[in-house]
């Protein structure tokens, strides 16, 4: 394969897929933010109800600035919801709040993929901040040892992204179960919830595939030409 073909396959195509995934999640989230949830519960109240139903009374639900900044912090054991989700009374706010609580339930139950992901985080944080620097220096100086180290570090980042996939999918599964079990989302609303959660999952899939493609590009470009 030519260098141009390799570039298109490993970098451009995944980038286009990633941009589409980002647009899809934003448009889906926005669409269902306009659809009210029948119970009238805010995202905060949804999260609190699910947490309490699972015995997680000590896990707080906090508002955070921005949009689509929702996350669960395993170190502080806090569910953090973006302002539109925290105060929202929509299908989107219900779905996202339940998803983040799904992570809190995973943590409480020591869900194995989440445990693995947490154990990989220190290495991933170091690798994320250093691999590009080493790759550039190694390429400029022609130091293949540095290039190899950089690629290995980036491989750790890619591994982290793939380990993240089952964690995210399982959190969405738990969210759907909790919403149904607690009677928060009726069957019609569950369709919208599933669409929001599926759209969000696509961004993780796109990110993981893009990272893997970029890793393949580095391996074929730097190591394939030096065999």
Protein backbone atom coordinates (compact mmCIF):
# COMPACT_ATOMS: atom_id res chain seq x y z
CA UNK A 1 0.00 0.00 0.00
CA UNK A 2 1.28 3.48 -0.86
CA UNK A 3 1.99 6.07 1.81
CA UNK A 4 -1.06 8.03 0.65
CA UNK A 5 -3.29 4.96 0.82
CA UNK A 6 -1.95 4.09 4.25
CA UNK A 7 -2.58 7.65 5.42
CA UNK A 8 -6.16 7.61 4.12
CA UNK A 9 -7.03 4.21 5.59
CA UNK A 10 -5.37 4.64 8.98
CA UNK A 11 -5.92 8.33 9.68
CA UNK A 12 -8.45 10.09 7.43
CA UNK A 13 -11.19 7.45 7.44
CA UNK A 14 -11.19 7.02 11.25
CA UNK A 15 -11.12 10.80 11.68
CA UNK A 16 -14.21 11.18 9.45
CA UNK A 17 -15.97 8.40 11.39
CA UNK A 18 -15.07 10.12 14.64
CA UNK A 19 -16.45 13.46 13.47
CA UNK A 20 -19.66 11.74 12.40
CA UNK A 21 -19.94 10.03 15.80
CA UNK A 22 -19.49 13.35 17.61
CA UNK A 23 -22.17 14.95 15.44
CA UNK A 24 -24.49 11.99 16.00
CA UNK A 25 -24.23 12.09 19.78
CA UNK A 26 -24.71 15.87 19.91
CA UNK A 27 -27.71 15.83 17.58
CA UNK A 28 -29.31 12.88 19.39
CA UNK A 29 -28.70 14.43 22.81
CA UNK A 30 -30.16 17.76 21.64
CA UNK A 31 -33.19 16.08 20.07
CA UNK A 32 -34.15 14.20 23.22
CA UNK A 33 -33.36 17.15 25.47
CA UNK A 34 -36.53 18.60 23.95
CA UNK A 35 -38.61 15.53 24.90
CA UNK A 36 -39.88 15.75 28.50
CA UNK A 37 -39.72 12.73 30.77
CA UNK A 38 -43.17 11.78 32.13
CA UNK A 39 -42.13 11.54 35.78
CA UNK A 40 -40.90 15.14 35.73
CA UNK A 41 -37.73 14.13 37.57
CA UNK A 42 -34.55 16.10 36.98
CA UNK A 43 -31.32 14.34 36.11
CA UNK A 44 -30.18 14.90 39.69
CA UNK A 45 -33.33 13.30 41.07
CA UNK A 46 -33.04 10.34 38.70
CA UNK A 47 -29.44 9.78 39.76
CA UNK A 48 -30.31 10.11 43.44
CA UNK A 49 -33.22 7.70 43.19
CA UNK A 50 -31.14 5.02 41.46
CA UNK A 51 -28.23 5.49 43.86
CA UNK A 52 -30.48 5.17 46.91
CA UNK A 53 -32.26 2.13 45.46
CA UNK A 54 -28.85 0.44 45.22
CA UNK A 55 -27.75 1.37 48.72
CA UNK A 56 -25.33 4.05 47.55
CA UNK A 57 -26.64 6.76 49.87
CA UNK A 58 -23.17 8.21 50.44
CA UNK A 59 -22.46 8.92 46.77
CA UNK A 60 -23.22 12.61 46.06
CA UNK A 61 -24.59 13.97 42.80
CA UNK A 62 -22.82 17.20 41.82
CA UNK A 63 -23.36 19.71 39.01
CA UNK A 64 -20.41 20.51 36.73
CA UNK A 65 -20.03 23.26 34.16
CA UNK A 66 -20.35 22.67 30.45
CA UNK A 67 -22.35 20.32 28.22
CA UNK A 68 -21.66 16.58 27.83
CA UNK A 69 -19.14 16.82 30.67
CA UNK A 70 -20.97 14.19 32.71
CA UNK A 71 -18.78 11.62 34.44
CA UNK A 72 -18.34 9.42 37.48
CA UNK A 73 -15.21 10.05 39.54
CA UNK A 74 -14.09 6.75 41.13
CA UNK A 75 -11.48 8.48 43.29
CA UNK A 76 -13.94 10.86 44.94
CA UNK A 77 -16.88 8.46 44.45
CA UNK A 78 -19.08 11.22 43.04
CA UNK A 79 -21.57 11.35 40.19
CA UNK A 80 -20.99 14.58 38.27
CA UNK A 81 -23.65 15.83 35.88
CA UNK A 82 -23.40 18.69 33.41
CA UNK A 83 -25.73 21.58 34.12
CA UNK A 84 -28.27 20.71 31.35
CA UNK A 85 -28.48 17.13 32.66
CA UNK A 86 -28.41 17.99 36.37
CA UNK A 87 -31.45 20.30 36.13
CA UNK A 88 -33.03 18.83 32.99
CA UNK A 89 -36.31 16.92 32.97
CA UNK A 90 -35.89 15.26 29.60
CA UNK A 91 -35.23 11.84 28.07
CA UNK A 92 -31.60 12.85 27.50
CA UNK A 93 -31.02 14.02 31.07
CA UNK A 94 -32.62 10.84 32.41
CA UNK A 95 -30.49 8.59 30.17
CA UNK A 96 -27.20 10.34 30.90
CA UNK A 97 -27.81 10.56 34.65
CA UNK A 98 -28.69 6.84 34.80
CA UNK A 99 -25.59 5.97 32.77
CA UNK A 100 -23.25 7.77 35.15
CA UNK A 101 -24.90 6.07 38.12
CA UNK A 102 -24.27 2.82 36.26
CA UNK A 103 -20.57 3.50 36.77
CA UNK A 104 -21.13 4.06 40.49
CA UNK A 105 -22.88 0.69 40.69
CA UNK A 106 -19.99 -0.92 38.80
CA UNK A 107 -17.57 0.57 41.31
CA UNK A 108 -19.59 -0.65 44.27
CA UNK A 109 -19.78 -4.16 42.83
CA UNK A 110 -16.09 -4.20 41.82
CA UNK A 111 -16.96 -4.80 38.17
CA UNK A 112 -13.81 -6.42 36.76
CA UNK A 113 -13.33 -4.37 33.56
CA UNK A 114 -13.71 -1.18 35.59
CA UNK A 115 -11.12 -2.43 38.07
CA UNK A 116 -8.73 -3.16 35.21
CA UNK A 117 -9.40 0.26 33.69
CA UNK A 118 -8.66 1.99 37.00
CA UNK A 119 -5.42 0.04 37.41
CA UNK A 120 -4.32 1.07 33.92
CA UNK A 121 -5.06 4.76 34.45
CA UNK A 122 -1.72 5.82 36.05
CA UNK A 123 0.24 4.22 33.20
CA UNK A 124 -2.13 5.68 30.62
CA UNK A 125 -1.87 9.18 32.08
CA UNK A 126 1.93 9.01 31.87
CA UNK A 127 1.87 7.51 28.38
CA UNK A 128 -0.60 10.12 27.09
CA UNK A 129 1.65 12.98 28.14
CA UNK A 130 4.93 11.56 26.82
CA UNK A 131 4.45 9.33 23.77
CA UNK A 132 4.14 12.14 21.20
CA UNK A 133 7.19 13.98 22.53
CA UNK A 134 9.31 10.84 22.33
CA UNK A 135 7.99 10.00 18.86
CA UNK A 136 8.84 13.45 17.46
CA UNK A 137 12.30 13.50 19.05
CA UNK A 138 13.00 9.95 17.90
CA UNK A 139 11.87 10.70 14.33
CA UNK A 140 13.94 13.90 14.12
CA UNK A 141 17.09 12.30 15.53
CA UNK A 142 16.59 8.99 13.77
CA UNK A 143 16.66 7.29 17.19
CA UNK A 144 14.61 4.15 16.63
CA UNK A 145 14.84 3.16 20.29
CA UNK A 146 12.91 6.30 21.25
CA UNK A 147 10.41 5.69 18.46
CA UNK A 148 9.80 2.13 19.70
CA UNK A 149 9.32 3.35 23.28
CA UNK A 150 6.88 5.99 22.01
CA UNK A 151 4.87 3.42 20.07
CA UNK A 152 4.75 1.06 23.07
CA UNK A 153 3.50 3.93 25.25
CA UNK A 154 0.87 4.79 22.68
CA UNK A 155 -0.16 1.12 22.57
CA UNK A 156 -0.90 1.43 26.30
CA UNK A 157 -3.21 4.37 25.53
CA UNK A 158 -4.98 2.31 22.86
CA UNK A 159 -5.37 -0.62 25.27
CA UNK A 160 -6.97 1.71 27.80
CA UNK A 161 -9.50 2.89 25.23
CA UNK A 162 -10.50 -0.66 24.34
CA UNK A 163 -10.81 -1.64 28.01
CA UNK A 164 -13.11 1.37 28.38
CA UNK A 165 -15.61 -0.05 25.85
CA UNK A 166 -17.09 -2.85 28.01
CA UNK A 167 -17.19 -0.46 30.97
CA UNK A 168 -19.29 2.03 29.01
CA UNK A 169 -21.56 -0.59 27.42
CA UNK A 170 -22.21 -2.23 30.78
CA UNK A 171 -22.99 1.12 32.43
CA UNK A 172 -25.60 1.77 29.74
CA UNK A 173 -27.07 -1.71 30.24
CA UNK A 174 -27.32 -1.12 33.99
CA UNK A 175 -28.90 2.29 33.34
CA UNK A 176 -31.64 0.78 31.18
CA UNK A 177 -32.35 -1.94 33.74
CA UNK A 178 -32.55 0.55 36.62
CA UNK A 179 -34.86 2.92 34.73
CA UNK A 180 -37.19 0.05 33.89
CA UNK A 181 -37.09 -1.58 37.32
CA UNK A 182 -37.76 1.66 39.18
CA UNK A 183 -40.49 2.70 36.76
CA UNK A 184 -38.73 5.92 35.81
CA UNK A 185 -38.92 5.34 32.05
CA UNK A 186 -41.99 3.82 30.42
CA UNK A 187 -41.63 1.57 27.32
CA UNK A 188 -41.98 4.47 24.89
CA UNK A 189 -39.39 6.54 26.75
CA UNK A 190 -37.05 3.56 26.90
CA UNK A 191 -36.71 3.76 23.12
CA UNK A 192 -35.42 7.33 23.39
CA UNK A 193 -33.16 6.40 26.31
CA UNK A 194 -31.64 3.60 24.24
CA UNK A 195 -31.00 5.95 21.32
CA UNK A 196 -29.21 8.46 23.56
CA UNK A 197 -27.08 5.76 25.16
CA UNK A 198 -26.26 4.15 21.80
CA UNK A 199 -25.20 7.50 20.34
CA UNK A 200 -22.92 8.11 23.30
CA UNK A 201 -21.40 4.64 22.94
CA UNK A 202 -20.56 5.35 19.30
CA UNK A 203 -18.11 8.07 20.33
CA UNK A 204 -16.16 5.55 22.42
CA UNK A 205 -16.16 3.03 19.58
CA UNK A 206 -15.01 5.69 17.11
CA UNK A 207 -12.27 6.85 19.49
CA UNK A 208 -10.98 3.33 20.06
CA UNK A 209 -10.94 2.47 16.35
CA UNK A 210 -9.23 5.76 15.50
CA UNK A 211 -6.56 5.12 18.14
CA UNK A 212 -5.99 1.58 16.86
CA UNK A 213 -5.73 2.81 13.27
CA UNK A 214 -3.21 5.46 14.29
CA UNK A 215 -1.17 2.84 16.12
CA UNK A 216 -1.15 0.68 12.98
CA UNK A 217 -0.01 3.69 10.96
CA UNK A 218 2.92 4.31 13.32
CA UNK A 219 3.93 0.66 13.33
CA UNK A 220 3.82 0.34 9.54
CA UNK A 221 5.44 3.73 8.90
CA UNK A 222 8.27 3.69 11.43
CA UNK A 223 8.88 0.02 12.10
CA UNK A 224 7.83 -1.42 8.73
CA UNK A 225 10.39 0.76 6.93
CA UNK A 226 13.17 -0.30 9.29
CA UNK A 227 12.98 -4.04 9.16
